[in-house]
Amino acid sequence: MKKISNALLAAARGLWLAIFGMATSILLFVLTVLSIAFTLLGIGLFTTPVAVGALRAHASLRRRQAKAWTGVEIPEPYRPLPARRPGLAGQVEQCAALLKDPATWRDLLWLLVDATAGTVLALLAPALVLYLPWGIVLALGVWEPIDRAGGGLWFTFVHITDQSTANLAAALGVVWGVVGAFVARPLLRTDFLLAKQLLAPGPATARELELARRVDRLTESRHDAVDGSAAELRRIERDLHDGAQARLVAMGMSLGTIEALIEKDPARAKKLVAAARADSAEALTELRDLVRGIHPPVLAERGLGDALRALALRMPLPVEVDVELAGRAEEPVETAAYFAVSELLTNAAKHSGARQVWLDVHHADGMLRIAVTDDGRGGAAAPADGRGGAGRPAGSGLAGIERRIGTLDGVLAVSSPVGGPTLITMEIPCTVR
């Protein structure tokens, strides 16, 4: 029953596309062509952006229908428009940008195809399905007044002249209805695939759009890297000022006091020496922690694999580490990967409620691939979702990791259904030597 209802729904959608799509496509084609022609007269400078905007809205609607109805994804090929300047000059620039975009002309060609071949493909299935009730109606006696008025009626290849041929038409209508229901969804999908040939970006446009997206991503990553570096420098300055520097100043004051008391009160001077020694040990510890936060010594000396194993041993929950690296990656890649994994393990320990974490690191096909899996409660959200996930505020944790690896053209993916498990993967382009 569900298959029948889906087939009938596909046929109804095909009928809607055939009627509404053909009428809209013809109307938009005529209006757009006239607007472009009138640019020579100056009128088109104002009407062309409106007409092309309506054309793109119609094409975008068809893309959404293709995805929702048949799962056919049709990416948008449009170039970004320049910032609109006021006045006639801005109007001319916008009109010129629309006419220079190859996608505008491909959309126009699609309107012609949609109004012809697309309409036939969309209309075929509902026409076959409608033969079923039409054949039954004819067999119930409607054929007689039609025969008397017009001298016979053709039902596809059956000429209805009496009740027996009307019954044959009803049987044939059932056959056509079954065939129509069977081919409704494939024909609808074929119609959308035909539209995809023109509505999707062409090879040159796809490369251009991909390059533009890559440039935008790298530009954003560069800004994030600069901002992150400035914030890191401020953190280091603050830690030095509030931590080690304050202890060293206190040590200097203690040594001055010791110098004054060493002959008058040796016992008190001895106590101050012990306190100064403790302050020096604490200052050294803070400096080591600060250096480790900038670039862990084990990472510089032993490489990413051993650094991650050492990091896993310091975690409050068990971490199973599997590292397969044939050599060492570039220093920026190792640093970014180390701190990204450190953040993920810390998040898992603090927020996930996990009992076990698995860390897998390997290099293949020019990519450093890292996967962190935990058996916690799940619910972590990808940075694009605008949520922190697992009780974290938006913009924390995962967003910072994505910015960090984004400076190296890396990508981050999150799979964390509610109830768990959580799988976070990272890929960073690099070479291992």
Protein backbone atom coordinates (compact mmCIF):
# COMPACT_ATOMS: atom_id res chain seq x y z
CA MET A 1 0.00 0.00 0.00
CA LYS A 2 2.82 2.38 0.83
CA LYS A 3 4.46 1.72 -2.54
CA ILE A 4 1.18 2.47 -4.31
CA SER A 5 0.72 5.72 -2.40
CA ASN A 6 4.31 6.74 -3.15
CA ALA A 7 3.80 5.99 -6.84
CA LEU A 8 0.59 8.01 -6.95
CA LEU A 9 2.31 10.85 -5.12
CA ALA A 10 5.15 10.80 -7.65
CA ALA A 11 2.60 10.89 -10.48
CA ALA A 12 0.80 13.84 -8.86
CA ARG A 13 4.11 15.67 -8.49
CA GLY A 14 4.89 14.97 -12.13
CA LEU A 15 1.53 16.44 -13.13
CA TRP A 16 2.23 19.52 -11.02
CA LEU A 17 5.66 19.94 -12.64
CA ALA A 18 4.19 19.49 -16.12
CA ILE A 19 1.54 22.16 -15.64
CA PHE A 20 3.14 24.69 -13.32
CA GLY A 21 6.69 24.09 -14.53
CA MET A 22 5.90 24.49 -18.22
CA ALA A 23 3.83 27.65 -17.70
CA THR A 24 6.42 29.23 -15.40
CA SER A 25 9.35 28.26 -17.61
CA ILE A 26 7.77 29.76 -20.73
CA LEU A 27 6.79 32.95 -18.91
CA LEU A 28 10.22 33.44 -17.34
CA PHE A 29 12.01 32.67 -20.58
CA VAL A 30 10.04 35.30 -22.48
CA LEU A 31 10.40 37.93 -19.74
CA THR A 32 14.13 37.33 -19.27
CA VAL A 33 14.95 37.37 -22.98
CA LEU A 34 12.95 40.58 -23.47
CA SER A 35 14.65 42.20 -20.47
CA ILE A 36 18.10 41.29 -21.79
CA ALA A 37 17.16 42.63 -25.23
CA PHE A 38 15.94 45.88 -23.69
CA THR A 39 19.30 46.52 -22.00
CA LEU A 40 20.32 48.22 -25.23
CA LEU A 41 17.53 50.71 -24.61
CA GLY A 42 18.43 51.15 -20.96
CA ILE A 43 15.18 49.68 -19.63
CA GLY A 44 16.75 46.26 -19.27
CA LEU A 45 19.30 47.60 -16.80
CA PHE A 46 16.45 47.77 -14.28
CA THR A 47 14.30 44.83 -15.41
CA THR A 48 17.05 42.26 -16.06
CA PRO A 49 18.12 41.88 -12.39
CA VAL A 50 14.47 41.36 -11.44
CA ALA A 51 13.86 38.84 -14.23
CA VAL A 52 17.09 36.94 -13.55
CA GLY A 53 16.29 36.96 -9.83
CA ALA A 54 12.90 35.38 -10.54
CA LEU A 55 14.59 32.86 -12.86
CA ARG A 56 17.08 31.90 -10.15
CA ALA A 57 14.31 31.60 -7.58
CA HIS A 58 12.44 29.22 -9.93
CA ALA A 59 15.62 27.20 -10.52
CA SER A 60 16.36 27.07 -6.78
CA LEU A 61 12.83 25.81 -6.15
CA ARG A 62 13.43 23.02 -8.65
CA ARG A 63 16.71 22.14 -6.89
CA ARG A 64 14.92 21.87 -3.54
CA GLN A 65 12.19 19.72 -5.09
CA ALA A 66 14.78 17.44 -6.68
CA LYS A 67 16.43 16.88 -3.28
CA ALA A 68 13.20 16.49 -1.31
CA TRP A 69 11.28 14.35 -3.82
CA THR A 70 13.91 12.07 -5.34
CA GLY A 71 17.16 12.69 -3.48
CA VAL A 72 18.86 14.28 -6.53
CA GLU A 73 21.21 17.00 -5.27
CA ILE A 74 21.80 19.92 -7.62
CA PRO A 75 24.37 22.43 -6.29
CA GLU A 76 23.97 26.11 -7.04
CA PRO A 77 26.44 27.43 -9.63
CA TYR A 78 25.97 31.17 -9.18
CA ARG A 79 28.91 33.49 -8.75
CA PRO A 80 28.72 35.90 -5.80
CA LEU A 81 27.45 39.30 -6.86
CA PRO A 82 29.57 42.39 -6.17
CA ALA A 83 28.57 44.74 -3.40
CA ARG A 84 25.73 46.91 -4.66
CA ARG A 85 26.75 50.52 -5.21
CA PRO A 86 24.09 53.23 -5.20
CA GLY A 87 23.01 54.95 -8.37
CA LEU A 88 23.08 54.04 -12.03
CA ALA A 89 26.67 52.80 -11.89
CA GLY A 90 25.73 50.18 -9.30
CA GLN A 91 22.75 49.09 -11.39
CA VAL A 92 24.97 48.66 -14.45
CA GLU A 93 27.54 46.66 -12.46
CA GLN A 94 24.90 44.32 -11.07
CA CYS A 95 23.30 43.77 -14.48
CA ALA A 96 26.71 43.13 -16.06
CA ALA A 97 27.66 40.66 -13.33
CA LEU A 98 24.45 38.69 -13.89
CA LEU A 99 24.95 38.59 -17.66
CA LYS A 100 28.62 37.58 -17.34
CA ASP A 101 27.71 34.65 -15.09
CA PRO A 102 27.57 31.46 -17.24
CA ALA A 103 24.91 30.09 -14.88
CA THR A 104 22.44 32.72 -16.12
CA TRP A 105 22.62 31.41 -19.67
CA ARG A 106 22.51 27.80 -18.52
CA ASP A 107 19.36 28.62 -16.56
CA LEU A 108 17.82 30.14 -19.68
CA LEU A 109 18.63 27.01 -21.68
CA TRP A 110 17.12 24.91 -18.90
CA LEU A 111 13.84 26.83 -19.21
CA LEU A 112 13.55 25.68 -22.84
CA VAL A 113 14.42 22.09 -21.96
CA ASP A 114 12.05 22.11 -19.00
CA ALA A 115 9.17 23.42 -21.10
CA THR A 116 9.68 20.67 -23.73
CA ALA A 117 11.48 17.46 -22.78
CA GLY A 118 11.01 18.06 -19.06
CA THR A 119 7.26 18.51 -19.49
CA VAL A 120 6.98 15.29 -21.49
CA LEU A 121 8.89 13.31 -18.86
CA ALA A 122 6.83 14.82 -16.03
CA LEU A 123 3.48 14.35 -17.80
CA LEU A 124 3.94 10.78 -19.07
CA ALA A 125 3.40 8.95 -15.77
CA PRO A 126 0.29 10.90 -14.61
CA ALA A 127 -1.20 10.55 -18.11
CA LEU A 128 -0.81 6.78 -17.94
CA VAL A 129 -2.30 6.68 -14.44
CA LEU A 130 -5.30 8.77 -15.53
CA TYR A 131 -6.06 6.26 -18.28
CA LEU A 132 -7.26 3.85 -15.58
CA PRO A 133 -10.29 5.89 -14.34
CA TRP A 134 -10.97 7.13 -17.88
CA GLY A 135 -11.19 3.58 -19.22
CA ILE A 136 -13.54 2.54 -16.42
CA VAL A 137 -15.77 5.58 -17.01
CA LEU A 138 -16.00 4.74 -20.71
CA ALA A 139 -16.89 1.11 -19.95
CA LEU A 140 -19.70 2.26 -17.64
CA GLY A 141 -21.58 3.67 -20.66
CA VAL A 142 -20.06 7.06 -21.32
CA TRP A 143 -18.78 5.74 -24.65
CA GLU A 144 -22.33 5.69 -26.10
CA PRO A 145 -23.13 9.45 -26.13
CA ILE A 146 -19.59 10.14 -27.30
CA ASP A 147 -20.00 7.59 -30.11
CA ARG A 148 -23.34 9.07 -31.17
CA ALA A 149 -21.96 12.61 -31.12
CA GLY A 150 -18.65 11.96 -32.85
CA GLY A 151 -18.77 8.58 -34.54
CA GLY A 152 -16.41 6.66 -32.29
CA LEU A 153 -13.59 7.26 -29.82
CA TRP A 154 -10.00 6.09 -29.75
CA PHE A 155 -8.58 4.87 -26.43
CA THR A 156 -4.88 4.75 -27.29
CA PHE A 157 -4.91 2.05 -30.02
CA VAL A 158 -8.43 0.73 -29.26
CA HIS A 159 -11.32 2.13 -31.34
CA ILE A 160 -14.41 2.11 -29.11
CA THR A 161 -17.58 1.41 -31.10
CA ASP A 162 -19.53 -0.92 -28.78
CA GLN A 163 -19.63 -2.27 -25.23
CA SER A 164 -17.04 -4.99 -25.89
CA THR A 165 -14.45 -2.51 -27.13
CA ALA A 166 -15.33 -0.25 -24.18
CA ASN A 167 -14.64 -3.17 -21.83
CA LEU A 168 -11.36 -3.77 -23.63
CA ALA A 169 -10.51 -0.09 -23.11
CA ALA A 170 -11.21 -0.45 -19.37
CA ALA A 171 -8.86 -3.45 -19.18
CA LEU A 172 -6.22 -1.55 -21.15
CA GLY A 173 -6.69 1.42 -18.80
CA VAL A 174 -5.84 -0.81 -15.84
CA VAL A 175 -2.67 -1.90 -17.61
CA TRP A 176 -1.69 1.69 -18.38
CA GLY A 177 -2.45 2.72 -14.80
CA VAL A 178 -0.20 -0.02 -13.41
CA VAL A 179 2.56 0.91 -15.85
CA GLY A 180 2.18 4.58 -14.96
CA ALA A 181 2.40 3.86 -11.24
CA PHE A 182 5.45 1.66 -11.81
CA VAL A 183 7.38 4.26 -13.84
CA ALA A 184 6.17 7.41 -12.03
CA ARG A 185 9.10 7.76 -9.64
CA PRO A 186 11.82 6.75 -12.18
CA LEU A 187 10.43 9.25 -14.69
CA LEU A 188 10.29 11.97 -12.05
CA ARG A 189 13.89 11.24 -11.12
CA THR A 190 14.87 11.28 -14.81
CA ASP A 191 13.25 14.69 -15.16
CA PHE A 192 15.34 16.03 -12.28
CA LEU A 193 18.51 14.39 -13.61
CA LEU A 194 17.86 16.12 -16.93
CA ALA A 195 17.51 19.43 -15.09
CA LYS A 196 20.74 18.73 -13.21
CA GLN A 197 22.69 18.70 -16.47
CA LEU A 198 21.98 22.42 -16.85
CA LEU A 199 21.23 23.66 -13.33
CA ALA A 200 24.38 22.21 -11.77
CA PRO A 201 27.71 24.03 -12.21
CA GLY A 202 29.59 23.27 -15.40
CA PRO A 203 33.15 21.89 -15.09
CA ALA A 204 34.79 25.31 -15.37
CA THR A 205 32.27 26.93 -13.03
CA ALA A 206 32.60 24.12 -10.48
CA ARG A 207 36.37 24.60 -10.38
CA GLU A 208 35.93 28.35 -10.07
CA LEU A 209 33.42 28.02 -7.22
CA GLU A 210 35.61 25.48 -5.44
CA LEU A 211 38.59 27.80 -5.76
CA ALA A 212 36.52 30.71 -4.43
CA ARG A 213 35.34 28.63 -1.46
CA ARG A 214 38.90 27.55 -0.79
CA VAL A 215 40.16 31.14 -0.91
CA ASP A 216 37.37 32.23 1.48
CA ARG A 217 38.18 29.38 3.85
CA LEU A 218 41.90 30.12 3.82
CA THR A 219 41.25 33.84 4.30
CA GLU A 220 39.02 33.12 7.29
CA SER A 221 41.55 30.63 8.66
CA ARG A 222 44.33 33.20 8.30
CA HIS A 223 42.33 35.75 10.28
CA ASP A 224 41.59 33.12 12.93
CA ALA A 225 45.28 32.21 13.08
CA VAL A 226 46.31 35.84 13.55
CA ASP A 227 43.66 36.39 16.23
CA GLY A 228 44.58 33.11 17.91
CA SER A 229 48.28 34.01 17.93
CA ALA A 230 47.53 37.41 19.47
CA ALA A 231 45.35 35.80 22.13
CA GLU A 232 48.06 33.21 22.85
CA LEU A 233 50.68 35.93 23.27
CA ARG A 234 48.40 37.78 25.69
CA ARG A 235 47.87 34.56 27.65
CA ILE A 236 51.62 33.93 27.87
CA GLU A 237 52.25 37.51 28.99
CA ARG A 238 49.51 37.22 31.62
CA ASP A 239 50.80 33.86 32.90
CA LEU A 240 54.35 35.17 33.11
CA HIS A 241 53.27 38.36 34.87
CA ASP A 242 50.89 36.74 37.34
CA GLY A 243 52.87 33.54 37.92
CA ALA A 244 56.59 33.10 37.43
CA GLN A 245 57.41 36.82 37.40
CA ALA A 246 55.59 37.42 40.67
CA ARG A 247 57.42 34.52 42.32
CA LEU A 248 60.79 35.73 41.02
CA VAL A 249 60.09 39.22 42.40
CA ALA A 250 59.16 37.68 45.75
CA MET A 251 62.39 35.65 45.66
CA GLY A 252 64.41 38.82 45.04
CA MET A 253 62.81 40.51 48.01
CA SER A 254 63.42 37.43 50.19
CA LEU A 255 67.08 37.32 49.15
CA GLY A 256 67.43 40.99 50.09
CA THR A 257 65.96 40.24 53.50
CA ILE A 258 68.25 37.21 53.88
CA GLU A 259 71.27 39.35 53.05
CA ALA A 260 70.32 41.73 55.85
CA LEU A 261 69.60 38.98 58.41
CA ILE A 262 72.33 36.46 57.63
CA GLU A 263 74.64 37.88 60.35
CA LYS A 264 72.07 39.25 62.80
CA ASP A 265 69.53 36.40 62.82
CA PRO A 266 70.95 33.27 61.06
CA ALA A 267 68.01 31.10 62.10
CA ARG A 268 65.44 33.36 60.49
CA ALA A 269 67.68 33.80 57.43
CA LYS A 270 67.80 30.01 57.11
CA LYS A 271 64.00 29.82 57.09
CA LEU A 272 63.83 32.51 54.42
CA VAL A 273 66.36 30.58 52.31
CA ALA A 274 64.14 27.50 52.50
CA ALA A 275 61.11 29.57 51.49
CA ALA A 276 63.05 31.12 48.58
CA ARG A 277 64.10 27.66 47.44
CA ALA A 278 60.44 26.52 47.48
CA ASP A 279 59.45 29.64 45.50
CA SER A 280 62.16 28.93 42.94
CA ALA A 281 60.91 25.34 42.54
CA GLU A 282 57.33 26.54 42.04
CA ALA A 283 58.48 29.20 39.55
CA LEU A 284 60.40 26.56 37.62
CA THR A 285 57.33 24.30 37.57
CA GLU A 286 55.16 27.13 36.28
CA LEU A 287 57.71 27.95 33.58
CA ARG A 288 57.83 24.31 32.51
CA ASP A 289 54.02 24.16 32.35
CA LEU A 290 54.02 27.36 30.32
CA VAL A 291 56.62 26.00 27.90
CA ARG A 292 54.68 22.75 27.62
CA GLY A 293 51.59 24.76 26.72
CA ILE A 294 53.51 26.51 23.93
CA HIS A 295 55.25 23.46 22.50
CA PRO A 296 55.57 20.24 24.55
CA PRO A 297 59.19 19.08 24.79
CA VAL A 298 58.23 15.46 24.11
CA LEU A 299 56.59 16.57 20.87
CA ALA A 300 59.76 18.30 19.71
CA GLU A 301 62.04 15.45 20.80
CA ARG A 302 60.03 12.27 20.11
CA GLY A 303 57.36 13.25 17.58
CA LEU A 304 53.58 13.20 17.47
CA GLY A 305 53.08 9.50 18.24
CA ASP A 306 55.03 9.47 21.52
CA ALA A 307 53.63 12.86 22.50
CA LEU A 308 50.07 11.57 22.13
CA ARG A 309 50.89 8.42 24.10
CA ALA A 310 52.32 10.58 26.90
CA LEU A 311 49.25 12.79 26.73
CA ALA A 312 46.95 9.76 27.01
CA LEU A 313 48.75 8.60 30.16
CA ARG A 314 47.96 11.91 31.87
CA MET A 315 44.22 11.64 31.18
CA PRO A 316 41.92 10.75 34.12
CA LEU A 317 40.18 8.03 32.07
CA PRO A 318 41.71 5.15 30.08
CA VAL A 319 42.71 6.02 26.52
CA GLU A 320 43.58 3.29 24.03
CA VAL A 321 46.07 4.72 21.53
CA ASP A 322 46.77 3.31 18.07
CA VAL A 323 49.36 5.31 16.12
CA GLU A 324 50.71 4.32 12.71
CA LEU A 325 53.09 6.94 11.36
CA ALA A 326 56.00 6.13 9.07
CA GLY A 327 57.84 9.32 10.01
CA ARG A 328 57.33 12.85 11.24
CA ALA A 329 55.03 15.47 9.79
CA GLU A 330 55.79 19.17 9.55
CA GLU A 331 56.11 20.92 12.90
CA PRO A 332 52.96 23.10 12.48
CA VAL A 333 50.92 19.99 11.64
CA GLU A 334 52.23 18.08 14.64
CA THR A 335 51.57 21.02 16.95
CA ALA A 336 48.03 21.56 15.66
CA ALA A 337 47.24 17.84 15.85
CA TYR A 338 48.65 17.53 19.39
CA PHE A 339 46.65 20.40 20.85
CA ALA A 340 43.51 19.38 18.94
CA VAL A 341 43.72 15.87 20.40
CA SER A 342 44.48 17.33 23.83
CA GLU A 343 41.31 19.44 23.64
CA LEU A 344 39.21 16.47 22.49
CA LEU A 345 40.49 14.19 25.26
CA THR A 346 39.95 16.91 27.84
CA ASN A 347 36.38 17.46 26.59
CA ALA A 348 35.70 13.73 26.74
CA ALA A 349 36.99 13.53 30.30
CA LYS A 350 35.06 16.59 31.50
CA HIS A 351 31.75 16.47 29.64
CA SER A 352 30.99 13.13 27.99
CA GLY A 353 30.69 10.83 31.01
CA ALA A 354 32.71 8.27 29.05
CA ARG A 355 34.43 5.26 30.60
CA GLN A 356 36.81 4.63 27.69
CA VAL A 357 38.35 6.63 24.85
CA TRP A 358 39.96 5.31 21.69
CA LEU A 359 42.52 7.37 19.76
CA ASP A 360 43.50 6.31 16.25
CA VAL A 361 46.17 8.21 14.28
CA HIS A 362 47.52 7.23 10.89
CA HIS A 363 48.80 8.79 7.66
CA ALA A 364 47.60 7.78 4.21
CA ASP A 365 47.15 9.43 0.81
CA GLY A 366 48.80 12.65 1.92
CA MET A 367 46.44 13.05 4.88
CA LEU A 368 47.02 12.83 8.61
CA ARG A 369 43.82 11.19 9.86
CA ILE A 370 42.90 11.30 13.54
CA ALA A 371 39.82 9.70 15.09
CA VAL A 372 38.79 10.13 18.73
CA THR A 373 35.94 7.89 19.93
CA ASP A 374 34.35 7.72 23.36
CA ASP A 375 31.50 5.65 24.84
CA GLY A 376 29.91 8.63 26.59
CA ARG A 377 26.44 10.13 26.45
CA GLY A 378 26.90 11.80 23.05
CA GLY A 379 25.15 14.98 22.00
CA ALA A 380 28.27 16.85 20.90
CA ALA A 381 27.41 19.29 18.11
CA ALA A 382 29.51 20.20 15.11
CA PRO A 383 30.74 23.82 15.12
CA ALA A 384 28.43 24.70 12.20
CA ASP A 385 25.41 23.81 14.35
CA GLY A 386 26.05 26.79 16.57
CA ARG A 387 25.80 24.66 19.73
CA GLY A 388 28.50 23.58 22.11
CA GLY A 389 27.06 20.11 22.58
CA ALA A 390 27.25 17.86 25.62
CA GLY A 391 26.63 20.72 27.99
CA ARG A 392 29.23 23.04 26.46
CA PRO A 393 28.43 26.60 25.37
CA ALA A 394 28.37 27.52 21.72
CA GLY A 395 31.74 28.49 20.30
CA SER A 396 33.79 26.39 22.74
CA GLY A 397 35.91 23.30 22.18
CA LEU A 398 35.11 21.98 18.74
CA ALA A 399 34.92 25.41 17.10
CA GLY A 400 38.38 26.23 18.41
CA ILE A 401 39.72 22.93 17.12
CA GLU A 402 38.21 23.56 13.70
CA ARG A 403 39.83 27.00 13.58
CA ARG A 404 43.18 25.56 14.64
CA ILE A 405 43.32 22.85 11.97
CA GLY A 406 41.57 25.11 9.46
CA THR A 407 44.72 27.22 9.21
CA LEU A 408 46.36 24.11 7.70
CA ASP A 409 43.41 23.40 5.39
CA GLY A 410 42.24 20.63 7.70
CA VAL A 411 38.65 19.50 8.22
CA LEU A 412 36.74 18.23 11.24
CA ALA A 413 33.68 15.95 11.30
CA VAL A 414 31.50 15.07 14.28
CA SER A 415 29.18 12.10 14.74
CA SER A 416 27.58 12.17 18.17
CA PRO A 417 23.99 10.93 18.45
CA VAL A 418 22.29 11.41 21.77
CA GLY A 419 23.14 8.38 23.88
CA GLY A 420 26.51 7.99 22.22
CA PRO A 421 28.99 7.00 21.11
CA THR A 422 30.84 10.09 19.93
CA LEU A 423 33.23 9.90 16.96
CA ILE A 424 35.26 12.96 16.01
CA THR A 425 37.55 12.75 13.01
CA MET A 426 40.12 15.20 11.69
CA GLU A 427 42.03 15.25 8.42
CA ILE A 428 45.05 17.49 7.86
CA PRO A 429 46.95 17.52 4.55
CA CYS A 430 50.64 16.83 5.18
CA THR A 431 53.65 14.77 4.15
CA VAL A 432 55.51 12.40 6.45
CA ARG A 433 59.25 12.12 6.16
